[in-house]
Amino acid sequence: MSPWQSVFIQSPSPNSNVPTMNPRTELQATPALRVRGLRTGPVATLLGLFVAASAWLAVGGLSARANDLPKLIESLQPKMVKIYGAGGFQGLESYQSGFLISAEGHILTIWSYVLDTSYITVHLDSGTRLKAELVGADPRLEVAVLKVEAQGLDHFDLSKAVEADAGTQVLALSNLYGVATGDEPASVQHGVISVKTRLEARRGVFETPYGGPVYVIDAVTNNPGAGGGALVNRRGQLLGMLGKELRNSRDNTWLNYAVPISELEQTVTDIIDGKFVPTETADPRPKAEQPHDLGRLGIVLVPDVLARTPPFVDEVRSGSPAAQAGLRPDDLVLFVNDERLIQSCKALREELSYIDRDDPVKLTVIRGQELLEFVLQPR
């Protein structure tokens, strides 16, 4: 592979919110770096080119430390992985990013539809392809842990992650746009943390279930496939995990951010330690004598053909409690009454068996990238 990588500035296609690479604005940059520009029009794209080049020179292109940067990036690459799973329909990408957090093959990544499959493939930096198992996930934090069968892997130690302040120079590593497939290195972007703030979530500015602290970055880090990537400082210390693409519903701008590891560490540790309890396990609660069922609620799920088919709504019957509450086809059920994470069609049916048919049912679903709550009143 050539020691030179490319710097791309994106311009959006006329009918899409997803930026595309424009080969006419390709530049040559320092070894092992890919930096991507703003989602803007043609005129601003040229300005973005100048800004990106100037930023590179100011941040480290002419400094003595620039000689150390390729070595640092090379040392980080073995800790990064490329993840492939569900997708490929309705314009959805079937890939995302992740990074190793144990020598035994645990991987931290973003929780997304890509993981809604029984066969997840992980490509290591060496090009080795391994099947991964989903150990556990917390959709409210948008975090998931995968596991591959391997030993002695280079990895980030979550207990050694550090905090950062505004002005900290950072590197964002990810497989944005699926550029890397086999043993190609992950893409790397320069940036500076603009601010650490709380994310306006839910029905506010950004449609996401996560509403905690984030690092806002002055580089376009959150592109398709970048979710689950690693944010590090210029010493290679782990700071956070790159989030999904988020667009501001008020001004239509995009947010580039990472979730601090301190917000995720306890949940991730609990998942790895086996404290995460799937809903399919035995439940001590007594079942209702006259329980709810999907038919009475007016919900038809997708065909339950896998061992753990995600509980997507396939049809909502007219005039039913589900229809009156506002449930729609393609909604993905996550929680029932805020208590249990629902991971399959089977688990949803099981959970309803504990709720009396005279009681309302609260469903938390994902619709697109928005987390919504509906209360289904019995008839």
Protein backbone atom coordinates (compact mmCIF):
# COMPACT_ATOMS: atom_id res chain seq x y z
CA MET A 1 0.00 0.00 0.00
CA SER A 2 1.28 3.48 -0.84
CA PRO A 3 2.63 5.40 2.17
CA TRP A 4 0.52 8.35 1.02
CA GLN A 5 -3.12 8.55 1.84
CA SER A 6 -5.74 10.95 0.52
CA VAL A 7 -7.49 13.94 2.01
CA PHE A 8 -11.07 14.26 0.78
CA ILE A 9 -13.53 17.10 1.10
CA GLN A 10 -17.12 15.89 0.74
CA SER A 11 -19.94 17.51 -1.18
CA PRO A 12 -23.48 16.14 -0.72
CA SER A 13 -25.31 14.64 -3.65
CA PRO A 14 -28.40 16.65 -4.72
CA ASN A 15 -30.92 14.13 -3.39
CA SER A 16 -29.16 12.72 -0.37
CA ASN A 17 -28.09 13.73 3.11
CA VAL A 18 -25.12 11.38 2.89
CA PRO A 19 -21.95 13.13 1.70
CA THR A 20 -20.04 11.70 -1.21
CA MET A 21 -16.35 11.78 -2.03
CA ASN A 22 -15.36 14.15 -4.80
CA PRO A 23 -12.21 12.93 -6.58
CA ARG A 24 -11.69 16.37 -8.07
CA THR A 25 -10.85 17.72 -4.60
CA GLU A 26 -8.34 15.03 -3.70
CA LEU A 27 -5.08 16.15 -2.09
CA GLN A 28 -1.99 14.36 -0.88
CA ALA A 29 -1.27 14.36 2.82
CA THR A 30 1.04 13.00 5.45
CA PRO A 31 1.44 9.18 5.59
CA ALA A 32 -1.41 7.11 7.06
CA LEU A 33 -3.83 10.01 7.43
CA ARG A 34 -7.25 10.61 5.92
CA VAL A 35 -9.01 13.86 6.79
CA ARG A 36 -12.51 14.63 5.58
CA GLY A 37 -14.18 17.97 5.16
CA LEU A 38 -17.50 19.63 5.64
CA ARG A 39 -20.93 18.80 4.25
CA THR A 40 -21.18 21.93 2.10
CA GLY A 41 -21.77 23.19 -1.40
CA PRO A 42 -19.12 23.57 -4.13
CA VAL A 43 -17.98 27.09 -3.15
CA ALA A 44 -17.67 26.27 0.52
CA THR A 45 -15.97 23.02 -0.46
CA LEU A 46 -13.06 24.97 -1.94
CA LEU A 47 -12.91 27.06 1.21
CA GLY A 48 -13.02 23.86 3.23
CA LEU A 49 -10.05 22.56 1.30
CA PHE A 50 -8.04 25.61 2.25
CA VAL A 51 -9.15 25.41 5.88
CA ALA A 52 -8.34 21.70 6.11
CA ALA A 53 -4.89 22.19 4.64
CA SER A 54 -4.19 25.18 6.87
CA ALA A 55 -5.37 23.28 9.95
CA TRP A 56 -3.06 20.40 9.13
CA LEU A 57 -0.07 22.76 8.91
CA ALA A 58 -1.04 24.55 12.12
CA VAL A 59 -1.80 21.44 14.17
CA GLY A 60 1.34 19.52 13.41
CA GLY A 61 2.31 19.46 9.76
CA LEU A 62 5.38 21.64 10.25
CA SER A 63 6.21 20.74 13.82
CA ALA A 64 8.83 18.34 15.06
CA ARG A 65 6.07 16.20 16.57
CA ALA A 66 4.75 15.44 13.08
CA ASN A 67 7.50 12.87 12.68
CA ASP A 68 6.08 10.95 15.65
CA LEU A 69 2.49 10.98 14.41
CA PRO A 70 2.78 8.16 11.84
CA LYS A 71 4.41 5.96 14.49
CA LEU A 72 1.59 6.70 16.94
CA ILE A 73 -1.06 5.91 14.33
CA GLU A 74 0.70 2.70 13.37
CA SER A 75 0.64 1.60 17.02
CA LEU A 76 -3.11 2.28 17.26
CA GLN A 77 -4.20 0.45 14.10
CA PRO A 78 -4.05 -3.11 15.59
CA LYS A 79 -6.61 -2.01 18.18
CA MET A 80 -9.18 -1.07 15.53
CA VAL A 81 -11.64 -3.43 13.81
CA LYS A 82 -14.10 -3.28 10.92
CA ILE A 83 -17.57 -4.68 11.62
CA TYR A 84 -19.98 -6.07 9.00
CA GLY A 85 -23.56 -7.18 9.56
CA ALA A 86 -27.12 -6.28 8.61
CA GLY A 87 -27.88 -3.57 6.07
CA GLY A 88 -27.69 -3.17 2.36
CA PHE A 89 -31.37 -2.21 1.96
CA GLN A 90 -33.07 1.20 1.88
CA GLY A 91 -29.63 2.77 1.52
CA LEU A 92 -28.42 1.48 4.90
CA GLU A 93 -24.73 0.71 5.23
CA SER A 94 -23.88 -2.81 6.37
CA TYR A 95 -20.70 -1.82 8.18
CA GLN A 96 -19.46 0.17 11.15
CA SER A 97 -16.37 0.61 13.31
CA GLY A 98 -15.19 -0.79 16.64
CA PHE A 99 -12.11 -1.20 18.78
CA LEU A 100 -10.69 -3.99 20.92
CA ILE A 101 -10.96 -3.59 24.70
CA SER A 102 -9.50 -6.92 25.86
CA ALA A 103 -6.78 -9.34 24.83
CA GLU A 104 -9.50 -12.04 24.65
CA GLY A 105 -11.37 -10.38 21.80
CA HIS A 106 -13.99 -8.09 23.38
CA ILE A 107 -14.93 -5.23 21.08
CA LEU A 108 -16.64 -1.96 21.95
CA THR A 109 -18.86 -0.49 19.26
CA ILE A 110 -22.01 1.51 18.65
CA TRP A 111 -25.38 -0.20 19.03
CA SER A 112 -27.15 -0.09 15.65
CA TYR A 113 -29.18 -2.05 13.10
CA VAL A 114 -25.89 -3.43 11.72
CA LEU A 115 -25.83 -5.78 14.73
CA ASP A 116 -29.40 -7.00 14.13
CA THR A 117 -28.24 -10.26 12.55
CA SER A 118 -27.15 -13.70 13.67
CA TYR A 119 -23.93 -13.43 11.68
CA ILE A 120 -21.62 -10.51 12.47
CA THR A 121 -18.17 -10.47 10.84
CA VAL A 122 -15.17 -8.64 12.25
CA HIS A 123 -12.04 -7.85 10.26
CA LEU A 124 -8.93 -7.31 12.36
CA ASP A 125 -6.16 -4.94 11.31
CA SER A 126 -4.16 -7.96 10.13
CA GLY A 127 -6.93 -8.84 7.68
CA THR A 128 -8.09 -11.84 9.72
CA ARG A 129 -11.86 -12.35 9.47
CA LEU A 130 -13.69 -13.70 12.51
CA LYS A 131 -17.30 -14.32 13.43
CA ALA A 132 -18.40 -12.16 16.35
CA GLU A 133 -21.07 -12.77 18.97
CA LEU A 134 -23.11 -9.99 20.53
CA VAL A 135 -22.36 -10.19 24.26
CA GLY A 136 -24.76 -7.43 25.24
CA ALA A 137 -26.02 -3.96 24.43
CA ASP A 138 -27.55 -0.91 26.07
CA PRO A 139 -29.60 1.01 23.46
CA ARG A 140 -30.08 3.94 25.82
CA LEU A 141 -26.32 4.52 25.77
CA GLU A 142 -26.11 3.30 22.15
CA VAL A 143 -23.31 0.94 23.13
CA ALA A 144 -22.68 -2.73 22.37
CA VAL A 145 -20.01 -5.30 23.19
CA LEU A 146 -19.00 -8.01 20.71
CA LYS A 147 -16.68 -10.99 21.24
CA VAL A 148 -14.43 -12.85 18.80
CA GLU A 149 -12.53 -16.04 19.57
CA ALA A 150 -8.93 -14.87 19.78
CA GLN A 151 -6.17 -14.39 22.33
CA GLY A 152 -3.32 -11.97 22.88
CA LEU A 153 -4.88 -9.11 20.92
CA ASP A 154 -3.59 -5.56 21.22
CA HIS A 155 -6.33 -3.45 22.79
CA PHE A 156 -7.37 -0.30 24.62
CA ASP A 157 -7.66 -0.61 28.40
CA LEU A 158 -10.87 1.18 29.41
CA SER A 159 -9.57 1.69 32.96
CA LYS A 160 -6.76 3.81 31.51
CA ALA A 161 -9.01 6.07 29.46
CA VAL A 162 -8.60 9.76 30.28
CA GLU A 163 -10.75 12.87 30.22
CA ALA A 164 -10.08 15.82 27.94
CA ASP A 165 -10.85 19.52 27.92
CA ALA A 166 -11.71 21.95 25.15
CA GLY A 167 -8.69 22.65 23.00
CA THR A 168 -7.27 19.12 23.25
CA GLN A 169 -5.83 17.91 19.95
CA VAL A 170 -7.34 14.55 19.02
CA LEU A 171 -7.27 11.79 16.44
CA ALA A 172 -10.42 9.95 15.34
CA LEU A 173 -9.92 6.41 14.00
CA SER A 174 -12.74 4.67 12.14
CA ASN A 175 -13.77 2.84 8.99
CA LEU A 176 -15.80 5.73 7.63
CA TYR A 177 -17.42 5.01 4.26
CA GLY A 178 -16.12 1.43 4.49
CA VAL A 179 -12.85 2.51 2.87
CA ALA A 180 -10.89 -0.26 4.61
CA THR A 181 -11.94 -3.88 4.06
CA GLY A 182 -9.15 -6.38 4.73
CA ASP A 183 -5.79 -5.39 6.17
CA GLU A 184 -6.06 -1.75 5.08
CA PRO A 185 -5.58 0.68 7.97
CA ALA A 186 -8.49 2.50 9.53
CA SER A 187 -8.97 6.11 8.44
CA VAL A 188 -7.58 8.76 10.76
CA GLN A 189 -8.67 12.37 11.16
CA HIS A 190 -7.11 15.33 12.95
CA GLY A 191 -9.27 17.51 15.13
CA VAL A 192 -9.59 19.58 18.27
CA ILE A 193 -12.21 19.22 20.98
CA SER A 194 -14.33 22.35 20.73
CA VAL A 195 -16.32 21.78 23.90
CA LYS A 196 -17.53 19.11 26.30
CA THR A 197 -21.27 19.49 26.75
CA ARG A 198 -24.49 17.56 27.22
CA LEU A 199 -26.29 16.32 24.15
CA GLU A 200 -29.78 17.70 23.59
CA ALA A 201 -31.61 14.45 22.94
CA ARG A 202 -34.99 12.78 22.65
CA ARG A 203 -37.55 15.13 21.08
CA GLY A 204 -35.18 18.05 21.33
CA VAL A 205 -32.53 19.09 18.86
CA PHE A 206 -30.96 15.70 18.16
CA GLU A 207 -32.91 12.48 17.66
CA THR A 208 -30.99 10.02 19.81
CA PRO A 209 -31.69 8.08 23.02
CA TYR A 210 -28.40 9.29 24.52
CA GLY A 211 -28.56 12.57 26.41
CA GLY A 212 -25.30 12.63 28.38
CA PRO A 213 -21.95 14.41 28.00
CA VAL A 214 -20.19 14.42 24.63
CA TYR A 215 -16.98 15.77 23.18
CA VAL A 216 -17.84 18.04 20.25
CA ILE A 217 -15.07 17.84 17.64
CA ASP A 218 -14.13 20.43 15.01
CA ALA A 219 -13.59 17.77 12.32
CA VAL A 220 -16.17 15.81 10.32
CA THR A 221 -15.76 12.57 12.23
CA ASN A 222 -19.33 11.21 12.24
CA ASN A 223 -19.75 9.87 8.72
CA PRO A 224 -21.41 6.64 7.53
CA GLY A 225 -19.59 3.68 9.07
CA ALA A 226 -17.62 5.79 11.55
CA GLY A 227 -19.90 5.01 14.52
CA GLY A 228 -18.01 2.94 17.09
CA GLY A 229 -14.62 4.38 16.17
CA ALA A 230 -12.06 5.53 18.74
CA LEU A 231 -11.18 9.07 19.80
CA VAL A 232 -7.67 9.44 21.27
CA ASN A 233 -5.38 12.30 22.22
CA ARG A 234 -2.00 12.94 20.65
CA ARG A 235 -0.43 10.55 23.18
CA GLY A 236 -2.64 7.72 21.99
CA GLN A 237 -4.73 7.68 25.19
CA LEU A 238 -8.36 6.65 24.71
CA LEU A 239 -10.88 9.46 25.25
CA GLY A 240 -14.18 8.32 23.79
CA MET A 241 -16.19 6.40 21.21
CA LEU A 242 -17.46 8.06 18.04
CA GLY A 243 -21.24 8.25 17.87
CA LYS A 244 -23.68 7.96 14.98
CA GLU A 245 -24.48 10.62 12.43
CA LEU A 246 -26.68 13.24 14.08
CA ARG A 247 -28.37 16.14 12.35
CA ASN A 248 -29.69 19.18 14.20
CA SER A 249 -33.45 19.30 13.65
CA ARG A 250 -33.49 23.10 14.06
CA ASP A 251 -30.81 24.27 11.65
CA ASN A 252 -30.08 21.08 9.63
CA THR A 253 -26.39 21.03 10.59
CA TRP A 254 -24.50 17.87 11.52
CA LEU A 255 -22.90 17.19 14.89
CA ASN A 256 -19.45 15.61 15.13
CA TYR A 257 -19.02 14.10 18.55
CA ALA A 258 -17.71 11.27 20.73
CA VAL A 259 -19.11 9.84 23.97
CA PRO A 260 -16.55 9.92 26.82
CA ILE A 261 -15.45 6.46 27.93
CA SER A 262 -16.27 7.44 31.52
CA GLU A 263 -19.95 7.43 30.52
CA LEU A 264 -19.73 3.92 29.09
CA GLU A 265 -17.16 2.08 31.20
CA GLN A 266 -19.44 0.76 33.97
CA THR A 267 -22.06 -0.56 31.55
CA VAL A 268 -19.43 -2.16 29.34
CA THR A 269 -17.74 -3.76 32.35
CA ASP A 270 -21.08 -5.15 33.55
CA ILE A 271 -21.73 -6.68 30.13
CA ILE A 272 -18.31 -8.33 30.02
CA ASP A 273 -18.62 -9.57 33.61
CA GLY A 274 -21.92 -11.27 32.85
CA LYS A 275 -24.11 -8.90 34.87
CA PHE A 276 -26.15 -8.16 31.79
CA VAL A 277 -29.18 -10.49 31.93
CA PRO A 278 -30.97 -11.26 28.63
CA THR A 279 -34.75 -11.22 28.77
CA GLU A 280 -34.93 -14.82 27.57
CA THR A 281 -33.63 -16.14 30.91
CA ALA A 282 -35.90 -17.41 33.68
CA ASP A 283 -37.99 -14.69 35.31
CA PRO A 284 -39.11 -14.85 38.95
CA ARG A 285 -42.20 -12.70 38.32
CA PRO A 286 -45.59 -14.42 38.27
CA LYS A 287 -47.34 -14.42 34.92
CA ALA A 288 -50.67 -12.64 34.55
CA GLU A 289 -53.79 -14.79 34.66
CA GLN A 290 -55.17 -12.89 31.65
CA PRO A 291 -52.11 -11.45 29.93
CA HIS A 292 -51.70 -9.12 26.98
CA ASP A 293 -50.80 -10.54 23.61
CA LEU A 294 -49.75 -8.98 20.34
CA GLY A 295 -53.05 -9.75 18.64
CA ARG A 296 -55.13 -7.87 21.21
CA LEU A 297 -52.77 -4.91 20.96
CA GLY A 298 -52.98 -4.93 17.16
CA ILE A 299 -49.29 -5.60 16.49
CA VAL A 300 -47.99 -7.97 13.86
CA LEU A 301 -44.23 -8.56 14.06
CA VAL A 302 -41.90 -9.56 11.25
CA PRO A 303 -41.62 -13.35 10.70
CA ASP A 304 -39.74 -14.96 13.57
CA VAL A 305 -37.28 -16.94 11.46
CA LEU A 306 -34.07 -16.58 13.47
CA ALA A 307 -33.06 -17.64 16.96
CA ARG A 308 -33.21 -13.98 17.92
CA THR A 309 -35.23 -12.08 15.33
CA PRO A 310 -35.30 -8.34 16.23
CA PRO A 311 -38.86 -7.29 17.19
CA PHE A 312 -39.66 -5.04 14.21
CA VAL A 313 -43.31 -4.14 13.71
CA ASP A 314 -44.51 -5.49 10.37
CA GLU A 315 -48.13 -4.31 10.54
CA VAL A 316 -50.37 -2.25 12.83
CA ARG A 317 -54.04 -3.20 12.65
CA SER A 318 -56.50 -0.37 12.08
CA GLY A 319 -58.41 0.77 15.17
CA SER A 320 -56.25 -1.25 17.56
CA PRO A 321 -54.58 0.09 20.73
CA ALA A 322 -51.28 0.14 18.83
CA ALA A 323 -52.77 2.20 15.99
CA GLN A 324 -54.45 4.63 18.38
CA ALA A 325 -51.17 5.12 20.25
CA GLY A 326 -49.29 5.90 17.02
CA LEU A 327 -47.18 2.80 16.47
CA ARG A 328 -46.07 2.25 12.86
CA PRO A 329 -44.61 -0.52 10.70
CA ASP A 330 -40.80 -0.75 10.88
CA ASP A 331 -40.72 0.48 14.49
CA LEU A 332 -38.22 -1.56 16.50
CA VAL A 333 -39.40 -2.36 20.05
CA LEU A 334 -36.67 -1.83 22.66
CA PHE A 335 -38.37 -1.69 26.05
CA VAL A 336 -41.65 -2.71 27.65
CA ASN A 337 -42.73 -0.54 30.60
CA ASP A 338 -39.15 0.85 30.86
CA GLU A 339 -37.99 -2.32 32.60
CA ARG A 340 -36.74 -4.93 30.17
CA LEU A 341 -34.52 -4.65 27.12
CA ILE A 342 -36.31 -6.60 24.38
CA GLN A 343 -33.90 -8.39 22.06
CA SER A 344 -36.20 -10.64 20.05
CA CYS A 345 -39.77 -11.30 18.94
CA LYS A 346 -39.88 -14.19 21.40
CA ALA A 347 -38.77 -11.93 24.25
CA LEU A 348 -41.50 -9.39 23.46
CA ARG A 349 -44.21 -12.05 23.56
CA GLU A 350 -42.79 -13.38 26.80
CA GLU A 351 -42.70 -9.94 28.42
CA LEU A 352 -46.34 -9.28 27.56
CA SER A 353 -47.30 -12.49 29.36
CA TYR A 354 -46.43 -10.79 32.67
CA ILE A 355 -48.79 -7.83 32.08
CA ASP A 356 -52.51 -8.06 32.79
CA ARG A 357 -54.67 -7.22 29.77
CA ASP A 358 -56.51 -4.54 31.78
CA ASP A 359 -53.27 -2.60 32.34
CA PRO A 360 -51.74 -0.14 29.85
CA VAL A 361 -48.53 -1.15 28.09
CA LYS A 362 -45.71 1.32 27.52
CA LEU A 363 -43.50 0.54 24.52
CA THR A 364 -40.22 2.30 23.79
CA VAL A 365 -39.28 1.99 20.13
CA ILE A 366 -36.70 3.24 17.67
CA ARG A 367 -38.07 4.88 14.55
CA GLY A 368 -35.24 5.81 12.24
CA GLN A 369 -32.77 7.36 14.68
CA GLU A 370 -35.39 8.65 17.10
CA LEU A 371 -36.35 7.02 20.40
CA LEU A 372 -40.12 7.24 20.93
CA GLU A 373 -42.47 6.11 23.70
CA PHE A 374 -46.09 4.97 23.26
CA VAL A 375 -48.70 3.97 25.82
CA LEU A 376 -51.14 1.34 24.52
CA GLN A 377 -54.43 1.51 26.37
CA PRO A 378 -56.47 -1.71 26.60
CA ARG A 379 -59.90 -1.73 25.00
